[in-house]
Protein backbone atom coordinates (compact mmCIF):
# COMPACT_ATOMS: atom_id res chain seq x y z
CA MET A 1 0.00 0.00 0.00
CA GLU A 2 1.29 3.44 -0.84
CA MET A 3 2.09 5.93 1.85
CA SER A 4 -0.33 8.49 0.40
CA SER A 5 -3.25 6.04 0.46
CA ILE A 6 -2.44 5.09 4.08
CA MET A 7 -2.36 8.75 5.05
CA ALA A 8 -5.60 9.43 3.18
CA SER A 9 -7.29 6.55 4.99
CA GLN A 10 -6.06 7.80 8.36
CA LEU A 11 -7.23 11.32 7.52
CA ARG A 12 -10.72 10.04 6.69
CA GLU A 13 -10.85 8.17 10.00
CA LEU A 14 -9.68 11.26 11.88
CA GLN A 15 -12.27 13.45 10.14
CA SER A 16 -15.00 10.97 11.02
CA THR A 17 -13.87 10.84 14.65
CA VAL A 18 -13.73 14.63 14.94
CA GLN A 19 -17.14 14.98 13.30
CA MET A 20 -18.70 12.49 15.73
CA SER A 21 -17.05 14.25 18.67
CA VAL A 22 -18.37 17.64 17.55
CA MET A 23 -21.87 16.22 17.04
CA LYS A 24 -21.78 14.54 20.47
CA ASN A 25 -20.69 17.77 22.15
CA ALA A 26 -23.42 19.75 20.36
CA LEU A 27 -26.03 17.20 21.47
CA ASN A 28 -24.79 17.37 25.07
CA MET A 29 -24.94 21.17 25.05
CA SER A 30 -28.45 21.11 23.58
CA SER A 31 -29.58 18.61 26.21
CA ALA A 32 -28.03 20.63 29.02
CA SER A 33 -29.64 23.86 27.83
CA ALA A 34 -33.04 22.13 27.48
CA VAL A 35 -32.80 20.78 31.04
CA GLU A 36 -31.78 24.23 32.32
CA MET A 37 -34.68 25.84 30.48
CA LEU A 38 -37.15 23.33 31.96
CA GLN A 39 -35.75 23.85 35.45
CA ASN A 40 -36.05 27.64 35.13
CA MET A 41 -39.68 27.55 34.00
CA PRO A 42 -42.08 29.24 36.38
CA GLU A 43 -44.32 26.95 38.39
CA GLN A 44 -47.47 26.14 36.46
CA PRO A 45 -50.78 26.39 38.33
CA THR A 46 -52.53 23.06 38.62
CA ALA A 47 -55.89 22.95 36.91
CA SER A 48 -58.73 21.41 38.85
CA HIS A 49 -60.38 18.36 37.39
CA PRO A 50 -63.78 19.24 35.85
CA TYR A 51 -65.75 16.70 37.91
CA LYS A 52 -63.40 14.73 40.14
CA GLY A 53 -64.36 15.09 43.77
CA THR A 54 -67.86 16.42 43.06
CA VAL A 55 -71.13 14.62 43.45
CA VAL A 56 -72.70 13.71 40.12
CA ASP A 57 -76.43 12.90 40.15
CA ILE A 58 -76.97 10.04 37.71
CA SER A 59 -80.54 9.19 38.81
CA GLY A 60 -82.94 9.91 36.08
């Protein structure tokens, strides 16, 4: 095998590794920012159930 083809193969592998590393870091940063955004959301008021806990007259 020629030296240039060996170097080209190694360069492709290195590019692939770097690309995967960059994508993984971007995904981690996106996940971290999404978690932070969810944690910083104001507390949502709880809506009462439309009929739970009330007496419903079903006699008819």
